[in-house]
Amino acid sequence: MTNFQISLPESMKAFVDEQVAKGGYGSVSEYLQELIFQDQHRKGQVNDEQFEVVADQLVEEFVMCIGANLPVLSDYAVTRESIYEDHP
């Protein structure tokens, strides 16, 4: 990875710090990486390989924050058929 320094007004730094804390990010870098990725995605500049890398990173971060002991849902559990079928 490459590092670079940015300058922010104090009000923006406070906002970023608040988003990091509220959003469960591990660092300001993680928050900014996600913002940049979202902008790339919105502009159609993310290819499938980049998307998979970022998705894998988000899953890893989620597991670190929430824990790895959560039950895993089957593929059927999250399909359209399962969601829209009648459940007693």
N, C-alpha and C. Protein backbone atom coordinates (compact mmCIF):
# COMPACT_ATOMS: atom_id res chain seq x y z
N MET A 1 0.84 -1.18 0.00
CA MET A 1 0.00 0.00 0.00
C MET A 1 0.88 1.24 0.00
N THR A 2 0.30 2.31 -0.48
CA THR A 2 0.98 3.59 -0.54
C THR A 2 0.37 4.53 0.49
N ASN A 3 1.20 5.32 1.12
CA ASN A 3 0.72 6.31 2.09
C ASN A 3 0.80 7.70 1.49
N PHE A 4 -0.15 8.56 1.87
CA PHE A 4 -0.03 9.97 1.54
C PHE A 4 -0.75 10.76 2.62
N GLN A 5 -0.38 12.01 2.72
CA GLN A 5 -0.89 12.88 3.77
C GLN A 5 -1.90 13.86 3.17
N ILE A 6 -2.99 14.09 3.91
CA ILE A 6 -3.96 15.09 3.47
C ILE A 6 -4.19 16.08 4.61
N SER A 7 -4.65 17.26 4.24
CA SER A 7 -4.97 18.28 5.23
C SER A 7 -6.48 18.48 5.24
N LEU A 8 -7.05 18.55 6.44
CA LEU A 8 -8.49 18.76 6.60
C LEU A 8 -8.73 19.85 7.62
N PRO A 9 -9.78 20.62 7.41
CA PRO A 9 -10.18 21.55 8.47
C PRO A 9 -10.59 20.73 9.70
N GLU A 10 -10.50 21.33 10.87
CA GLU A 10 -10.81 20.63 12.11
C GLU A 10 -12.23 20.05 12.10
N SER A 11 -13.17 20.77 11.52
CA SER A 11 -14.56 20.27 11.48
C SER A 11 -14.68 19.00 10.66
N MET A 12 -13.93 18.90 9.56
CA MET A 12 -13.97 17.69 8.74
C MET A 12 -13.27 16.53 9.44
N LYS A 13 -12.17 16.83 10.13
CA LYS A 13 -11.48 15.78 10.88
C LYS A 13 -12.39 15.22 11.95
N ALA A 14 -13.11 16.09 12.65
CA ALA A 14 -14.05 15.64 13.68
C ALA A 14 -15.13 14.76 13.07
N PHE A 15 -15.63 15.15 11.89
CA PHE A 15 -16.64 14.35 11.21
C PHE A 15 -16.09 12.97 10.85
N VAL A 16 -14.89 12.92 10.29
CA VAL A 16 -14.28 11.65 9.91
C VAL A 16 -14.09 10.78 11.15
N ASP A 17 -13.57 11.35 12.23
CA ASP A 17 -13.38 10.59 13.46
C ASP A 17 -14.70 10.02 13.97
N GLU A 18 -15.75 10.81 13.88
CA GLU A 18 -17.08 10.37 14.32
C GLU A 18 -17.58 9.22 13.45
N GLN A 19 -17.37 9.32 12.13
CA GLN A 19 -17.82 8.26 11.23
C GLN A 19 -17.05 6.97 11.47
N VAL A 20 -15.76 7.08 11.76
CA VAL A 20 -14.94 5.91 12.05
C VAL A 20 -15.47 5.22 13.30
N ALA A 21 -15.75 5.99 14.33
CA ALA A 21 -16.24 5.43 15.59
C ALA A 21 -17.63 4.81 15.43
N LYS A 22 -18.53 5.53 14.77
CA LYS A 22 -19.90 5.06 14.61
C LYS A 22 -20.01 3.90 13.62
N GLY A 23 -19.17 3.94 12.59
CA GLY A 23 -19.27 2.95 11.53
C GLY A 23 -18.51 1.67 11.78
N GLY A 24 -17.82 1.59 12.90
CA GLY A 24 -17.09 0.37 13.22
C GLY A 24 -15.83 0.17 12.39
N TYR A 25 -15.30 1.25 11.84
CA TYR A 25 -14.07 1.13 11.07
C TYR A 25 -12.89 1.01 12.03
N GLY A 26 -11.87 0.29 11.60
CA GLY A 26 -10.69 0.13 12.43
C GLY A 26 -9.76 1.31 12.40
N SER A 27 -9.91 2.14 11.36
CA SER A 27 -9.02 3.29 11.22
C SER A 27 -9.62 4.28 10.23
N VAL A 28 -9.03 5.45 10.20
CA VAL A 28 -9.42 6.46 9.22
C VAL A 28 -9.13 5.94 7.81
N SER A 29 -8.03 5.21 7.66
CA SER A 29 -7.69 4.65 6.35
C SER A 29 -8.79 3.74 5.82
N GLU A 30 -9.33 2.87 6.68
CA GLU A 30 -10.42 1.98 6.25
C GLU A 30 -11.63 2.78 5.80
N TYR A 31 -11.96 3.82 6.54
CA TYR A 31 -13.10 4.67 6.20
C TYR A 31 -12.88 5.34 4.84
N LEU A 32 -11.71 5.93 4.64
CA LEU A 32 -11.42 6.62 3.39
C LEU A 32 -11.35 5.64 2.22
N GLN A 33 -10.80 4.45 2.45
CA GLN A 33 -10.76 3.44 1.39
C GLN A 33 -12.17 3.07 0.95
N GLU A 34 -13.08 2.91 1.90
CA GLU A 34 -14.45 2.58 1.54
C GLU A 34 -15.11 3.71 0.77
N LEU A 35 -14.89 4.95 1.19
CA LEU A 35 -15.46 6.09 0.46
C LEU A 35 -14.95 6.13 -0.98
N ILE A 36 -13.67 5.92 -1.15
CA ILE A 36 -13.08 5.94 -2.50
C ILE A 36 -13.64 4.79 -3.33
N PHE A 37 -13.74 3.61 -2.73
CA PHE A 37 -14.30 2.47 -3.44
C PHE A 37 -15.74 2.75 -3.87
N GLN A 38 -16.54 3.31 -2.98
CA GLN A 38 -17.93 3.63 -3.31
C GLN A 38 -18.00 4.63 -4.46
N ASP A 39 -17.11 5.60 -4.47
CA ASP A 39 -17.08 6.59 -5.56
C ASP A 39 -16.68 5.91 -6.87
N GLN A 40 -15.69 5.04 -6.82
CA GLN A 40 -15.28 4.30 -8.02
C GLN A 40 -16.44 3.45 -8.54
N HIS A 41 -17.11 2.77 -7.63
CA HIS A 41 -18.23 1.91 -8.00
C HIS A 41 -19.35 2.74 -8.64
N ARG A 42 -19.67 3.86 -8.03
CA ARG A 42 -20.72 4.73 -8.55
C ARG A 42 -20.38 5.22 -9.96
N LYS A 43 -19.11 5.46 -10.21
CA LYS A 43 -18.69 5.96 -11.52
C LYS A 43 -18.38 4.84 -12.50
N GLY A 44 -18.63 3.61 -12.08
CA GLY A 44 -18.41 2.47 -12.97
C GLY A 44 -16.96 2.16 -13.23
N GLN A 45 -16.10 2.50 -12.29
CA GLN A 45 -14.67 2.31 -12.49
C GLN A 45 -14.10 1.16 -11.65
N VAL A 46 -14.96 0.26 -11.21
CA VAL A 46 -14.51 -0.88 -10.42
C VAL A 46 -14.74 -2.13 -11.25
N ASN A 47 -13.69 -2.90 -11.48
CA ASN A 47 -13.88 -4.15 -12.20
C ASN A 47 -14.20 -5.27 -11.20
N ASP A 48 -14.56 -6.42 -11.71
CA ASP A 48 -14.98 -7.53 -10.85
C ASP A 48 -13.89 -7.96 -9.88
N GLU A 49 -12.65 -7.96 -10.35
CA GLU A 49 -11.54 -8.38 -9.48
C GLU A 49 -11.38 -7.41 -8.31
N GLN A 50 -11.43 -6.11 -8.57
CA GLN A 50 -11.32 -5.12 -7.50
C GLN A 50 -12.48 -5.27 -6.53
N PHE A 51 -13.67 -5.50 -7.07
CA PHE A 51 -14.84 -5.67 -6.22
C PHE A 51 -14.66 -6.86 -5.29
N GLU A 52 -14.18 -7.98 -5.81
CA GLU A 52 -13.98 -9.18 -5.00
C GLU A 52 -12.95 -8.93 -3.89
N VAL A 53 -11.88 -8.22 -4.20
CA VAL A 53 -10.85 -7.91 -3.20
C VAL A 53 -11.45 -7.08 -2.07
N VAL A 54 -12.18 -6.03 -2.43
CA VAL A 54 -12.79 -5.17 -1.41
C VAL A 54 -13.85 -5.93 -0.63
N ALA A 55 -14.65 -6.73 -1.30
CA ALA A 55 -15.68 -7.52 -0.60
C ALA A 55 -15.04 -8.47 0.40
N ASP A 56 -13.95 -9.12 0.01
CA ASP A 56 -13.25 -10.02 0.93
C ASP A 56 -12.70 -9.26 2.13
N GLN A 57 -12.17 -8.07 1.90
CA GLN A 57 -11.65 -7.26 3.01
C GLN A 57 -12.77 -6.87 3.96
N LEU A 58 -13.92 -6.49 3.41
CA LEU A 58 -15.06 -6.11 4.25
C LEU A 58 -15.55 -7.30 5.08
N VAL A 59 -15.57 -8.47 4.50
CA VAL A 59 -15.98 -9.67 5.25
C VAL A 59 -15.00 -9.93 6.39
N GLU A 60 -13.71 -9.83 6.12
CA GLU A 60 -12.72 -10.03 7.16
C GLU A 60 -12.88 -9.01 8.29
N GLU A 61 -13.11 -7.75 7.94
CA GLU A 61 -13.31 -6.72 8.95
C GLU A 61 -14.58 -6.97 9.75
N PHE A 62 -15.63 -7.42 9.07
CA PHE A 62 -16.88 -7.73 9.74
C PHE A 62 -16.68 -8.85 10.75
N VAL A 63 -15.97 -9.88 10.36
CA VAL A 63 -15.72 -11.01 11.26
C VAL A 63 -14.91 -10.55 12.46
N MET A 64 -13.93 -9.67 12.24
CA MET A 64 -13.13 -9.17 13.37
C MET A 64 -13.98 -8.35 14.33
N CYS A 65 -14.92 -7.57 13.80
CA CYS A 65 -15.75 -6.71 14.64
C CYS A 65 -16.86 -7.49 15.34
N ILE A 66 -17.50 -8.39 14.63
CA ILE A 66 -18.67 -9.09 15.14
C ILE A 66 -18.31 -10.43 15.76
N GLY A 67 -17.37 -11.09 15.17
CA GLY A 67 -16.98 -12.41 15.67
C GLY A 67 -17.25 -13.47 14.62
N ALA A 68 -16.47 -14.53 14.70
CA ALA A 68 -16.57 -15.59 13.71
C ALA A 68 -17.55 -16.68 14.13
N ASN A 69 -18.20 -16.55 15.27
CA ASN A 69 -19.07 -17.60 15.77
C ASN A 69 -20.52 -17.44 15.36
N LEU A 70 -20.80 -16.58 14.40
CA LEU A 70 -22.16 -16.40 13.93
C LEU A 70 -22.56 -17.57 13.05
N PRO A 71 -23.82 -18.00 13.11
CA PRO A 71 -24.24 -19.09 12.23
C PRO A 71 -24.18 -18.65 10.77
N VAL A 72 -23.84 -19.57 9.93
CA VAL A 72 -23.75 -19.29 8.50
C VAL A 72 -25.09 -19.61 7.86
N LEU A 73 -25.61 -18.71 7.05
CA LEU A 73 -26.85 -18.94 6.34
C LEU A 73 -26.58 -19.74 5.08
N SER A 74 -27.48 -20.64 4.76
CA SER A 74 -27.34 -21.39 3.52
C SER A 74 -27.63 -20.46 2.34
N ASP A 75 -27.18 -20.88 1.16
CA ASP A 75 -27.47 -20.10 -0.04
C ASP A 75 -28.98 -19.97 -0.24
N TYR A 76 -29.73 -21.04 0.09
CA TYR A 76 -31.18 -21.01 -0.08
C TYR A 76 -31.81 -19.97 0.84
N ALA A 77 -31.26 -19.81 2.04
CA ALA A 77 -31.86 -18.90 3.02
C ALA A 77 -31.90 -17.47 2.52
N VAL A 78 -31.02 -17.11 1.63
CA VAL A 78 -30.96 -15.74 1.15
C VAL A 78 -31.39 -15.61 -0.31
N THR A 79 -32.06 -16.63 -0.84
CA THR A 79 -32.54 -16.55 -2.21
C THR A 79 -33.89 -15.86 -2.25
N ARG A 80 -34.24 -15.38 -3.41
CA ARG A 80 -35.53 -14.73 -3.61
C ARG A 80 -36.66 -15.69 -3.27
N GLU A 81 -36.52 -16.97 -3.66
CA GLU A 81 -37.57 -17.95 -3.38
C GLU A 81 -37.81 -18.08 -1.88
N SER A 82 -36.74 -18.16 -1.13
CA SER A 82 -36.86 -18.33 0.31
C SER A 82 -37.47 -17.10 0.97
N ILE A 83 -37.07 -15.95 0.50
CA ILE A 83 -37.54 -14.70 1.11
C ILE A 83 -39.04 -14.51 0.89
N TYR A 84 -39.52 -14.87 -0.31
CA TYR A 84 -40.91 -14.59 -0.65
C TYR A 84 -41.87 -15.77 -0.41
N GLU A 85 -41.37 -16.90 0.04
CA GLU A 85 -42.29 -18.01 0.29
C GLU A 85 -43.01 -17.77 1.61
N ASP A 86 -44.18 -18.40 1.76
CA ASP A 86 -44.95 -18.25 2.98
C ASP A 86 -44.27 -18.99 4.12
N HIS A 87 -44.08 -18.30 5.22
CA HIS A 87 -43.48 -18.91 6.40
C HIS A 87 -44.52 -18.91 7.51
N PRO A 88 -44.68 -20.06 8.18
CA PRO A 88 -45.69 -20.11 9.27
C PRO A 88 -45.33 -19.21 10.42
